[in-house]
């Protein structure tokens, strides 16, 4: 299961902020991996009562941001990408995501961050 955003241009991404669901099943976010292009940024570690997760990307350059969850359903309420345009060539990392399909789920209504 995955979610992906295509950026307007190659960008140096400093961090990705994920807002998790709060109605139920919030533990499903555990183990979700974040990529900028093919560069692996990091993984979310679930903590009870935590809603917002920050994954540092160290200014990885790419034109896409992807969140991949191989072991569970993936429900994201909001994803924020921080960084800026870059003229650098995107790097390639050998650790790639394995799932090729996405699922779309609704977030619990009534909560706004």
C-alpha atoms as a PDB file:
ATOM      1  CA  UNK A   1       0.000   0.000   0.000  1.00  0.00           C
ATOM      2  CA  UNK A   2       1.364   3.412  -0.858  1.00  0.00           C
ATOM      3  CA  UNK A   3       0.703   7.111  -1.291  1.00  0.00           C
ATOM      4  CA  UNK A   4       2.682   9.319  -3.646  1.00  0.00           C
ATOM      5  CA  UNK A   5       2.878  13.009  -4.511  1.00  0.00           C
ATOM      6  CA  UNK A   6       4.570  14.380  -7.604  1.00  0.00           C
ATOM      7  CA  UNK A   7       6.367  17.643  -6.924  1.00  0.00           C
ATOM      8  CA  UNK A   8       6.328  20.480  -9.469  1.00  0.00           C
ATOM      9  CA  UNK A   9      10.108  20.155  -9.947  1.00  0.00           C
ATOM     10  CA  UNK A  10      13.145  18.454  -8.474  1.00  0.00           C
ATOM     11  CA  UNK A  11      13.248  19.547  -4.864  1.00  0.00           C
ATOM     12  CA  UNK A  12      15.577  19.154  -1.894  1.00  0.00           C
ATOM     13  CA  UNK A  13      13.266  17.720   0.779  1.00  0.00           C
ATOM     14  CA  UNK A  14      14.278  18.407   4.364  1.00  0.00           C
ATOM     15  CA  UNK A  15      11.422  16.552   6.071  1.00  0.00           C
ATOM     16  CA  UNK A  16       8.047  14.894   5.570  1.00  0.00           C
ATOM     17  CA  UNK A  17       5.351  15.335   8.233  1.00  0.00           C
ATOM     18  CA  UNK A  18       2.607  12.703   8.408  1.00  0.00           C
ATOM     19  CA  UNK A  19      -0.685  13.232  10.227  1.00  0.00           C
ATOM     20  CA  UNK A  20      -2.043   9.845  11.303  1.00  0.00           C
ATOM     21  CA  UNK A  21      -5.665   8.806  11.783  1.00  0.00           C
ATOM     22  CA  UNK A  22      -7.111   9.081  15.290  1.00  0.00           C
ATOM     23  CA  UNK A  23     -10.426   7.244  15.219  1.00  0.00           C
ATOM     24  CA  UNK A  24      -9.042   3.705  15.246  1.00  0.00           C
ATOM     25  CA  UNK A  25      -6.268   1.593  13.833  1.00  0.00           C
ATOM     26  CA  UNK A  26      -3.649   4.295  14.364  1.00  0.00           C
ATOM     27  CA  UNK A  27      -1.023   1.602  14.980  1.00  0.00           C
ATOM     28  CA  UNK A  28      -1.164   0.708  11.284  1.00  0.00           C
ATOM     29  CA  UNK A  29       1.239   3.595  10.583  1.00  0.00           C
ATOM     30  CA  UNK A  30       4.033   1.637  12.289  1.00  0.00           C
ATOM     31  CA  UNK A  31       6.749   0.725   9.820  1.00  0.00           C
ATOM     32  CA  UNK A  32       5.630   3.071   7.044  1.00  0.00           C
ATOM     33  CA  UNK A  33       8.672   4.050   4.968  1.00  0.00           C
ATOM     34  CA  UNK A  34       9.227   7.484   3.407  1.00  0.00           C
ATOM     35  CA  UNK A  35      11.091   8.023   0.128  1.00  0.00           C
ATOM     36  CA  UNK A  36      12.087  11.067  -1.896  1.00  0.00           C
ATOM     37  CA  UNK A  37      12.417   9.678  -5.400  1.00  0.00           C
ATOM     38  CA  UNK A  38      14.384   6.467  -4.846  1.00  0.00           C
ATOM     39  CA  UNK A  39      16.123   7.751  -1.710  1.00  0.00           C
ATOM     40  CA  UNK A  40      14.997   6.172   1.552  1.00  0.00           C
ATOM     41  CA  UNK A  41      14.461   8.851   4.241  1.00  0.00           C
ATOM     42  CA  UNK A  42      13.278   6.809   7.192  1.00  0.00           C
ATOM     43  CA  UNK A  43      10.523   4.838   8.841  1.00  0.00           C
ATOM     44  CA  UNK A  44       7.651   5.758  11.159  1.00  0.00           C
ATOM     45  CA  UNK A  45       7.654   4.176  14.619  1.00  0.00           C
ATOM     46  CA  UNK A  46       4.175   4.179  16.124  1.00  0.00           C
ATOM     47  CA  UNK A  47       3.689   5.632  19.591  1.00  0.00           C
ATOM     48  CA  UNK A  48       0.320   5.545  21.368  1.00  0.00           C
ATOM     49  CA  UNK A  49      -1.440   8.932  21.433  1.00  0.00           C
ATOM     50  CA  UNK A  50       0.965  10.431  18.887  1.00  0.00           C
ATOM     51  CA  UNK A  51      -0.800  11.903  15.856  1.00  0.00           C
ATOM     52  CA  UNK A  52       1.982  13.691  13.978  1.00  0.00           C
ATOM     53  CA  UNK A  53       5.170  11.974  12.792  1.00  0.00           C
ATOM     54  CA  UNK A  54       8.207  13.762  11.305  1.00  0.00           C
ATOM     55  CA  UNK A  55      10.625  11.922   9.036  1.00  0.00           C
ATOM     56  CA  UNK A  56      13.878  13.745   8.280  1.00  0.00           C
ATOM     57  CA  UNK A  57      15.073  13.495   4.667  1.00  0.00           C
ATOM     58  CA  UNK A  58      18.369  15.396   4.863  1.00  0.00           C
ATOM     59  CA  UNK A  59      17.627  17.465   1.738  1.00  0.00           C
ATOM     60  CA  UNK A  60      17.279  14.376  -0.460  1.00  0.00           C
ATOM     61  CA  UNK A  61      16.583  15.504  -4.030  1.00  0.00           C
ATOM     62  CA  UNK A  62      13.738  14.119  -6.098  1.00  0.00           C
ATOM     63  CA  UNK A  63      10.516  14.904  -7.910  1.00  0.00           C
ATOM     64  CA  UNK A  64       8.282  12.531  -5.932  1.00  0.00           C
ATOM     65  CA  UNK A  65       7.562  11.763  -2.288  1.00  0.00           C
ATOM     66  CA  UNK A  66       6.215   8.340  -1.450  1.00  0.00           C
ATOM     67  CA  UNK A  67       4.971   6.707   1.763  1.00  0.00           C
ATOM     68  CA  UNK A  68       4.971   2.905   1.598  1.00  0.00           C
ATOM     69  CA  UNK A  69       3.420   0.441   4.046  1.00  0.00           C
ATOM     70  CA  UNK A  70       4.148  -3.164   3.123  1.00  0.00           C
ATOM     71  CA  UNK A  71       2.663  -4.809   6.209  1.00  0.00           C
ATOM     72  CA  UNK A  72      -0.650  -3.005   6.848  1.00  0.00           C
ATOM     73  CA  UNK A  73      -3.324  -0.821   5.326  1.00  0.00           C
ATOM     74  CA  UNK A  74      -2.094   2.745   4.877  1.00  0.00           C
ATOM     75  CA  UNK A  75      -4.326   5.616   5.955  1.00  0.00           C
ATOM     76  CA  UNK A  76      -2.857   9.108   5.919  1.00  0.00           C
ATOM     77  CA  UNK A  77      -4.898  12.111   7.014  1.00  0.00           C
ATOM     78  CA  UNK A  78      -2.396  14.702   5.821  1.00  0.00           C
ATOM     79  CA  UNK A  79       1.146  14.725   4.454  1.00  0.00           C
ATOM     80  CA  UNK A  80       3.321  17.848   4.446  1.00  0.00           C
ATOM     81  CA  UNK A  81       6.549  18.035   2.450  1.00  0.00           C
ATOM     82  CA  UNK A  82       9.152  20.642   3.450  1.00  0.00           C
ATOM     83  CA  UNK A  83      12.031  21.768   1.269  1.00  0.00           C
ATOM     84  CA  UNK A  84      12.682  23.816  -1.821  1.00  0.00           C
ATOM     85  CA  UNK A  85      13.582  23.654  -5.522  1.00  0.00           C
ATOM     86  CA  UNK A  86      16.906  22.090  -6.439  1.00  0.00           C
ATOM     87  CA  UNK A  87      18.936  21.952  -9.621  1.00  0.00           C
ATOM     88  CA  UNK A  88      20.844  18.908  -8.360  1.00  0.00           C
ATOM     89  CA  UNK A  89      20.419  15.532  -9.994  1.00  0.00           C
ATOM     90  CA  UNK A  90      18.322  13.153  -7.859  1.00  0.00           C
ATOM     91  CA  UNK A  91      20.269  10.436  -6.058  1.00  0.00           C
ATOM     92  CA  UNK A  92      19.437   6.773  -6.386  1.00  0.00           C
ATOM     93  CA  UNK A  93      19.302   4.498  -3.355  1.00  0.00           C
ATOM     94  CA  UNK A  94      19.348   0.722  -3.676  1.00  0.00           C
ATOM     95  CA  UNK A  95      16.588   0.239  -1.075  1.00  0.00           C
ATOM     96  CA  UNK A  96      13.365   0.466  -3.079  1.00  0.00           C
ATOM     97  CA  UNK A  97       9.723  -0.007  -2.208  1.00  0.00           C
ATOM     98  CA  UNK A  98       8.155  -3.301  -3.181  1.00  0.00           C
ATOM     99  CA  UNK A  99       4.399  -2.734  -3.397  1.00  0.00           C
ATOM    100  CA  UNK A 100       3.040  -1.447  -6.681  1.00  0.00           C
ATOM    101  CA  UNK A 101      -0.559  -0.665  -5.740  1.00  0.00           C
ATOM    102  CA  UNK A 102      -2.261   1.917  -3.561  1.00  0.00           C
ATOM    103  CA  UNK A 103      -5.383   1.969  -1.429  1.00  0.00           C
ATOM    104  CA  UNK A 104      -7.381   5.026  -0.604  1.00  0.00           C
ATOM    105  CA  UNK A 105      -9.133   5.394   2.755  1.00  0.00           C
ATOM    106  CA  UNK A 106     -11.034   8.199   4.408  1.00  0.00           C
ATOM    107  CA  UNK A 107      -9.781   9.817   7.568  1.00  0.00           C
ATOM    108  CA  UNK A 108     -11.997  10.177  10.577  1.00  0.00           C
ATOM    109  CA  UNK A 109     -14.093  13.265  10.042  1.00  0.00           C
ATOM    110  CA  UNK A 110     -14.363  15.921  12.695  1.00  0.00           C
ATOM    111  CA  UNK A 111     -10.666  16.279  13.438  1.00  0.00           C
ATOM    112  CA  UNK A 112      -8.645  19.060  11.870  1.00  0.00           C
ATOM    113  CA  UNK A 113      -5.040  19.873  12.612  1.00  0.00           C
END
